């Protein structure tokens, strides 16, 4: 007498252990022996793998107050150095000082022709000011472009012009 087994997909009676069910054509139609135990073992192995993986990835990312304080101090030191060099008085867009440009444009024949070339600023001096030199181009009275230079002194605290000379 032959052993009949039910297909795990359609429930049809199958003779032996064929690779496909003759009724629904599903692959491996015979249920595995001890299927629940294998399933539980797989779930446990997967859970352990995830636990070890998460433990490896959480490489002690808890914030350390000492490290945060060191970072803040380093940031403040960098800010202080930037202020001493005068970079806080210059635009991050083009490196110019807008007050100096506005003062210069009031002196030009054609303010719309102004072109900023370069601005250099010296570190803070003993009076608490920065020396600034700006190169520019602009049209003269005859419509030709001339290069010029502006020399200014800026206060470190508020970046306001102390003195200015246009050449």
Protein backbone atom coordinates (compact mmCIF):
# COMPACT_ATOMS: atom_id res chain seq x y z
CA UNK A 1 0.00 0.00 0.00
CA UNK A 2 1.31 3.43 -0.95
CA UNK A 3 1.76 6.33 1.41
CA UNK A 4 -0.31 9.39 0.55
CA UNK A 5 0.70 12.84 1.71
CA UNK A 6 -1.36 16.03 1.49
CA UNK A 7 -0.01 18.97 -0.56
CA UNK A 8 0.83 21.90 1.73
CA UNK A 9 -0.71 24.33 -0.79
CA UNK A 10 -3.91 22.77 -2.13
CA UNK A 11 -4.41 19.76 0.19
CA UNK A 12 -4.52 17.24 -2.69
CA UNK A 13 -3.40 13.63 -2.08
CA UNK A 14 0.10 13.03 -3.41
CA UNK A 15 1.83 9.70 -3.80
CA UNK A 16 5.43 9.80 -2.47
CA UNK A 17 7.54 12.96 -2.44
CA UNK A 18 7.35 14.61 -5.88
CA UNK A 19 9.09 17.90 -6.71
CA UNK A 20 5.81 19.47 -7.92
CA UNK A 21 2.20 18.96 -6.89
CA UNK A 22 0.29 17.36 -9.80
CA UNK A 23 -2.79 19.49 -8.92
CA UNK A 24 -1.54 23.02 -8.21
CA UNK A 25 2.04 22.76 -9.55
CA UNK A 26 3.59 24.22 -6.39
CA UNK A 27 7.25 23.33 -5.83
CA UNK A 28 8.06 21.10 -2.85
CA UNK A 29 4.43 20.31 -2.00
CA UNK A 30 5.23 18.01 0.92
CA UNK A 31 5.47 19.81 4.30
CA UNK A 32 8.84 19.57 6.04
CA UNK A 33 9.20 17.21 8.92
CA UNK A 34 9.21 19.11 12.23
CA UNK A 35 8.32 22.35 10.50
CA UNK A 36 7.37 24.23 13.68
CA UNK A 37 10.66 23.43 15.40
CA UNK A 38 12.67 24.49 12.37
CA UNK A 39 10.63 27.72 12.13
CA UNK A 40 11.15 28.57 15.83
CA UNK A 41 14.87 27.80 15.56
CA UNK A 42 15.16 30.09 12.54
CA UNK A 43 13.33 32.89 14.33
CA UNK A 44 15.58 32.57 17.40
CA UNK A 45 18.73 32.53 15.27
CA UNK A 46 17.54 35.64 13.42
CA UNK A 47 16.72 37.41 16.68
CA UNK A 48 20.17 36.64 18.09
CA UNK A 49 21.79 37.90 14.90
CA UNK A 50 19.85 41.18 15.13
CA UNK A 51 20.81 41.61 18.79
CA UNK A 52 24.51 41.12 18.02
CA UNK A 53 24.27 43.40 14.99
CA UNK A 54 22.62 46.20 16.96
CA UNK A 55 25.19 45.81 19.76
CA UNK A 56 28.00 46.12 17.22
CA UNK A 57 26.46 49.17 15.57
CA UNK A 58 25.76 51.07 18.81
CA UNK A 59 29.45 51.74 19.25
CA UNK A 60 28.86 53.69 22.48
CA UNK A 61 27.29 56.70 20.77
CA UNK A 62 26.13 58.14 24.06
CA UNK A 63 27.15 61.80 24.25
CA UNK A 64 30.07 62.46 26.51
CA UNK A 65 29.75 65.81 28.35
CA UNK A 66 33.54 66.22 28.39
CA UNK A 67 33.71 65.80 24.61
CA UNK A 68 30.86 68.28 24.13
CA UNK A 69 32.63 70.85 26.31
CA UNK A 70 35.87 70.37 24.39
CA UNK A 71 33.99 70.85 21.11
CA UNK A 72 32.31 74.03 22.41
CA UNK A 73 35.64 75.42 23.62
CA UNK A 74 37.27 74.66 20.28
CA UNK A 75 34.38 76.34 18.46
CA UNK A 76 34.66 79.45 20.67
CA UNK A 77 38.42 79.54 20.12
CA UNK A 78 37.92 79.38 16.36
CA UNK A 79 35.31 82.15 16.56
CA UNK A 80 37.69 84.29 18.62
CA UNK A 81 40.48 83.76 16.08
CA UNK A 82 38.12 84.70 13.22
CA UNK A 83 37.20 87.93 15.07
CA UNK A 84 40.86 88.76 15.69
CA UNK A 85 41.60 88.32 12.00
CA UNK A 86 38.62 90.49 11.05
CA UNK A 87 36.77 87.96 8.91
CA UNK A 88 33.53 88.66 10.80
CA UNK A 89 33.53 92.12 9.11
CA UNK A 90 33.55 90.62 5.61
CA UNK A 91 30.68 89.16 3.61
CA UNK A 92 30.72 85.37 3.30
CA UNK A 93 29.33 85.82 -0.21
CA UNK A 94 32.05 87.89 -1.88
CA UNK A 95 34.50 88.76 0.92
CA UNK A 96 33.75 92.49 0.83
CA UNK A 97 32.58 94.90 3.52
CA UNK A 98 29.17 96.33 2.58
CA UNK A 99 29.65 99.63 4.46
CA UNK A 100 32.86 100.33 2.53
CA UNK A 101 31.14 99.51 -0.77
CA UNK A 102 28.19 101.81 0.01
CA UNK A 103 30.54 104.66 0.96
CA UNK A 104 32.53 104.14 -2.25
CA UNK A 105 29.42 103.99 -4.48
CA UNK A 106 28.33 107.41 -3.20
CA UNK A 107 31.62 108.79 -4.59
CA UNK A 108 31.48 107.09 -8.03
CA UNK A 109 30.20 108.74 -11.25
CA UNK A 110 28.39 105.51 -12.21
CA UNK A 111 27.64 103.43 -9.07
CA UNK A 112 26.01 100.64 -11.12
CA UNK A 113 29.36 99.99 -12.86
CA UNK A 114 31.06 98.99 -9.58
CA UNK A 115 32.86 95.61 -9.67
CA UNK A 116 34.48 94.20 -6.54
CA UNK A 117 37.86 92.62 -7.25
CA UNK A 118 39.36 91.74 -3.87
CA UNK A 119 39.28 92.70 -0.20
CA UNK A 120 42.07 92.07 2.28
CA UNK A 121 41.83 92.68 6.00
CA UNK A 122 44.58 92.80 8.61
CA UNK A 123 44.35 91.30 12.10
CA UNK A 124 43.19 93.48 14.96
CA UNK A 125 45.68 96.17 16.04
CA UNK A 126 46.37 97.68 19.47
CA UNK A 127 43.54 100.23 18.96
CA UNK A 128 40.98 97.47 18.40
CA UNK A 129 40.63 98.12 14.67
CA UNK A 130 41.34 96.32 11.39
CA UNK A 131 43.04 97.79 8.33
CA UNK A 132 41.13 96.95 5.14
CA UNK A 133 42.24 97.29 1.51
CA UNK A 134 39.67 96.76 -1.25
CA UNK A 135 40.40 96.69 -5.00
CA UNK A 136 37.60 97.53 -7.42
CA UNK A 137 36.75 98.57 -10.98
CA UNK A 138 34.26 101.19 -12.05
CA UNK A 139 33.53 103.54 -14.96
CA UNK A 140 35.10 106.98 -14.92
CA UNK A 141 33.64 110.22 -16.34
CA UNK A 142 34.57 109.17 -19.89
CA UNK A 143 32.89 105.74 -19.64
CA UNK A 144 36.15 103.78 -19.45
CA UNK A 145 36.78 101.32 -16.65
CA UNK A 146 39.43 102.29 -14.10
CA UNK A 147 40.82 100.20 -11.27
CA UNK A 148 40.88 101.75 -7.83
CA UNK A 149 41.74 101.02 -4.24
CA UNK A 150 39.98 101.83 -0.99
CA UNK A 151 41.91 101.84 2.28
CA UNK A 152 39.78 101.83 5.43
CA UNK A 153 39.99 101.25 9.15
CA UNK A 154 37.14 99.24 10.74
CA UNK A 155 36.25 98.85 14.41
CA UNK A 156 36.50 95.24 15.56
CA UNK A 157 33.40 95.33 17.78
CA UNK A 158 30.83 96.47 15.23
CA UNK A 159 32.76 96.59 11.91
CA UNK A 160 31.91 100.28 11.41
CA UNK A 161 34.22 102.53 9.40
CA UNK A 162 36.61 104.67 11.47
CA UNK A 163 38.44 106.20 8.52
CA UNK A 164 38.41 105.69 4.75
CA UNK A 165 40.53 106.81 1.80
CA UNK A 166 39.58 106.26 -1.83
CA UNK A 167 42.40 106.18 -4.42
